[in-house]
Structure formats: C-alpha cells, structure tokens
C-alpha cells in the first residue's frame, strides 16, 4: 500500500481551491489527511506535524498558502519528505507574492511549486512521487495520460473535419 499524502492549508479559506487536490487524490485511491495549520499562527503544530509525518505514514506533503506563503518552507525545513507548495491567489497581488515566497527557497530546503491555485497539479505531482515505489499508481497515471492524449486527438480530428468543410 502506498504512503499517505498530507494536505495542509494555511487557512480554511483555501479549501475551495484545495478541494480539487483532494478529489484528484481520491480518484487515484491515495489516502490523505487534510488539515489547517499556519506557519505564523500555529508554528509549533505545523513543525510537529512535519517532523513526525514520515513516522505517521506520509510520503508527500502538500502545503497551500497565500500572501507571505511561508507554510511550505517551514514544513520543508522540518521534514525530509518531498513538499509541494500551492501558492494561493490573493486580492492584493493576485498570488504573485505567494508564488515567489513558495518557489524562492534557500539551498537545501526545496519546495516543489505548482502554479497559482494549482491544487490539481499538486495532487498529480504527489501521486507521481508516490508512484516511484508503487506500480499500481504508476499504471493509473499511465492510463490517465493516455486518456488525456486520446481526448486531444479526438478534438484535433473534429477540428480537421470542421476545417475540411470550409
């Protein structure tokens, strides 16, 4: 059985975006735990969770945060597990502040970062990381990639048929 994925949000207001990551993890049959923890308001809890995540059966941690977006970096500083950051869009700077805070980590403390509000991609990346040691997950990923390619090919075929009618 594959390891679990931890999904941590800096605020419950991130849930409407993060929900797509949870849906994606469920689609692949990956067990997850979703929590609200803040790098600034509950730093001890966030650090404790990150420090014990491997022992608690997690294989990847996804962190969603906006504005200063320190959550993923703080978590990454307290674990050897891969951490994926989701920079959240905010009203003030449209998420660019969160993107830069998440992606600009010091040497030795990497955070894999997806696009602003890129929760679905964070989940897919987590599944890909877990699939390195889980052949069943790798097969599900391959099937999904084929389905995406088939969809694009069908759209191209329909377009070519429409162009031929011109």
Protein backbone atom coordinates (compact mmCIF):
# COMPACT_ATOMS: atom_id res chain seq x y z
CA UNK A 1 0.00 0.00 0.00
CA UNK A 2 1.19 3.44 -0.87
CA UNK A 3 2.03 6.10 1.65
CA UNK A 4 -0.46 8.82 2.54
CA UNK A 5 -0.41 12.43 1.37
CA UNK A 6 -0.74 15.26 3.86
CA UNK A 7 -2.54 18.34 2.59
CA UNK A 8 -2.08 21.37 4.81
CA UNK A 9 -3.83 24.69 4.26
CA UNK A 10 -2.75 27.91 5.90
CA UNK A 11 -6.42 28.88 6.20
CA UNK A 12 -9.79 27.24 5.76
CA UNK A 13 -10.48 29.89 3.10
CA UNK A 14 -8.07 27.89 0.88
CA UNK A 15 -10.41 24.89 0.87
CA UNK A 16 -12.44 25.78 -2.27
CA UNK A 17 -9.20 25.58 -4.30
CA UNK A 18 -7.60 22.73 -2.34
CA UNK A 19 -10.73 20.61 -2.75
CA UNK A 20 -9.67 19.77 -6.32
CA UNK A 21 -6.44 18.24 -4.96
CA UNK A 22 -8.43 16.04 -2.60
CA UNK A 23 -10.74 14.97 -5.43
CA UNK A 24 -7.71 14.07 -7.55
CA UNK A 25 -6.09 12.07 -4.75
CA UNK A 26 -9.35 10.17 -4.24
CA UNK A 27 -9.52 9.45 -7.98
CA UNK A 28 -6.18 7.65 -7.71
CA UNK A 29 -7.15 5.90 -4.48
CA UNK A 30 -4.48 7.72 -2.47
CA UNK A 31 -5.20 8.09 1.23
CA UNK A 32 -4.79 11.62 2.55
CA UNK A 33 -5.22 13.78 5.60
CA UNK A 34 -6.23 17.42 5.20
CA UNK A 35 -5.52 19.95 7.95
CA UNK A 36 -5.45 23.69 8.64
CA UNK A 37 -2.16 24.87 10.15
CA UNK A 38 -0.43 28.20 9.96
CA UNK A 39 3.26 28.92 9.71
CA UNK A 40 2.60 32.11 11.68
CA UNK A 41 -0.38 31.40 13.95
CA UNK A 42 0.31 27.74 14.85
CA UNK A 43 4.01 27.29 14.06
CA UNK A 44 4.63 24.68 16.77
CA UNK A 45 1.81 22.47 15.47
CA UNK A 46 2.97 22.82 11.85
CA UNK A 47 6.56 21.96 12.80
CA UNK A 48 5.49 18.99 14.92
CA UNK A 49 3.26 17.65 12.14
CA UNK A 50 6.08 17.96 9.60
CA UNK A 51 8.67 16.42 11.93
CA UNK A 52 6.54 13.34 12.57
CA UNK A 53 4.95 12.99 9.12
CA UNK A 54 7.25 10.20 7.89
CA UNK A 55 6.70 8.19 11.08
CA UNK A 56 2.95 8.71 10.67
CA UNK A 57 2.89 7.06 7.23
CA UNK A 58 3.04 10.07 4.94
CA UNK A 59 5.10 10.07 1.77
CA UNK A 60 4.46 13.59 0.46
CA UNK A 61 3.20 16.83 1.98
CA UNK A 62 1.22 19.42 0.01
CA UNK A 63 1.02 22.93 1.51
CA UNK A 64 -1.36 25.64 0.30
CA UNK A 65 -0.81 29.20 1.47
CA UNK A 66 -1.29 32.73 0.23
CA UNK A 67 0.23 36.11 0.85
CA UNK A 68 3.55 35.59 2.68
CA UNK A 69 3.14 31.84 1.98
CA UNK A 70 5.74 30.56 4.43
CA UNK A 71 3.91 27.33 5.22
CA UNK A 72 5.58 25.09 2.63
CA UNK A 73 9.04 26.38 3.53
CA UNK A 74 8.51 25.93 7.25
CA UNK A 75 7.21 22.41 6.69
CA UNK A 76 10.11 21.60 4.33
CA UNK A 77 12.54 22.78 6.98
CA UNK A 78 11.16 20.18 9.40
CA UNK A 79 10.93 17.07 7.24
CA UNK A 80 12.90 15.02 4.75
CA UNK A 81 9.72 14.22 2.79
CA UNK A 82 9.03 15.95 -0.51
CA UNK A 83 6.95 19.10 -0.04
CA UNK A 84 4.78 20.59 -2.77
CA UNK A 85 3.67 24.19 -2.44
CA UNK A 86 0.45 25.60 -3.83
CA UNK A 87 0.69 29.39 -3.94
CA UNK A 88 -2.80 30.76 -3.36
CA UNK A 89 -4.23 33.72 -5.20
CA UNK A 90 -4.93 36.73 -3.00
CA UNK A 91 -6.66 40.02 -3.70
CA UNK A 92 -3.62 42.22 -3.14
CA UNK A 93 -1.08 40.80 -5.59
CA UNK A 94 -3.06 38.10 -7.44
CA UNK A 95 -0.92 35.36 -5.87
CA UNK A 96 2.44 36.56 -7.16
CA UNK A 97 3.57 37.20 -3.58
CA UNK A 98 2.67 33.62 -2.62
CA UNK A 99 4.31 32.22 -5.76
CA UNK A 100 7.60 33.96 -5.09
CA UNK A 101 7.56 33.12 -1.37
CA UNK A 102 6.93 29.46 -2.18
CA UNK A 103 9.39 29.00 -5.02
CA UNK A 104 12.33 31.04 -3.68
CA UNK A 105 13.66 28.62 -1.09
CA UNK A 106 17.22 28.57 0.25
CA UNK A 107 19.64 25.85 -0.87
CA UNK A 108 18.97 22.54 0.83
CA UNK A 109 15.28 23.27 1.57
CA UNK A 110 13.49 22.61 -1.72
CA UNK A 111 9.77 23.04 -2.25
CA UNK A 112 8.31 21.76 -5.50
CA UNK A 113 5.94 24.51 -6.54
CA UNK A 114 2.93 24.37 -8.85
CA UNK A 115 1.18 27.33 -10.42
CA UNK A 116 -1.01 29.78 -8.53
CA UNK A 117 -4.10 27.87 -7.30
CA UNK A 118 -2.66 24.73 -8.96
CA UNK A 119 -4.13 22.26 -6.48
CA UNK A 120 -4.95 19.56 -9.04
CA UNK A 121 -1.38 19.59 -10.36
CA UNK A 122 -0.07 19.39 -6.80
CA UNK A 123 -2.08 16.22 -6.28
CA UNK A 124 -0.92 14.71 -9.58
CA UNK A 125 2.69 15.52 -8.69
CA UNK A 126 2.23 13.88 -5.28
CA UNK A 127 0.80 10.78 -6.98
CA UNK A 128 3.75 10.73 -9.38
CA UNK A 129 6.17 10.90 -6.44
CA UNK A 130 4.41 8.02 -4.71
CA UNK A 131 4.28 6.01 -7.95
CA UNK A 132 8.08 5.69 -7.94
CA UNK A 133 7.61 2.83 -5.47
CA UNK A 134 4.01 1.85 -6.32
CA UNK A 135 3.43 0.12 -9.67
CA UNK A 136 -0.36 0.24 -9.33
CA UNK A 137 -0.26 4.04 -9.05
CA UNK A 138 2.13 4.20 -12.00
CA UNK A 139 -0.35 2.21 -14.09
CA UNK A 140 -3.21 4.55 -13.11
CA UNK A 141 -1.08 7.55 -14.08
CA UNK A 142 -0.21 5.98 -17.45
CA UNK A 143 -3.89 5.31 -18.14
CA UNK A 144 -4.79 8.90 -17.29
CA UNK A 145 -2.04 10.26 -19.57
CA UNK A 146 -3.36 8.06 -22.40
CA UNK A 147 -6.92 9.28 -21.78
CA UNK A 148 -5.73 12.90 -21.95
CA UNK A 149 -3.88 12.23 -25.21
CA UNK A 150 -6.91 10.44 -26.67
CA UNK A 151 -9.06 13.46 -25.78
CA UNK A 152 -6.70 15.88 -27.52
CA UNK A 153 -6.50 13.61 -30.59
CA UNK A 154 -10.31 13.43 -30.78
CA UNK A 155 -10.55 17.22 -30.61
CA UNK A 156 -7.93 17.56 -33.35
CA UNK A 157 -9.80 15.10 -35.55
CA UNK A 158 -13.04 17.06 -35.06
CA UNK A 159 -11.23 20.30 -35.87
CA UNK A 160 -9.74 18.84 -39.04
CA UNK A 161 -13.19 17.67 -40.13
CA UNK A 162 -14.60 21.15 -39.49
CA UNK A 163 -11.77 22.78 -41.47
CA UNK A 164 -12.36 20.39 -44.39
CA UNK A 165 -15.94 21.71 -44.64
CA UNK A 166 -14.75 25.30 -45.21
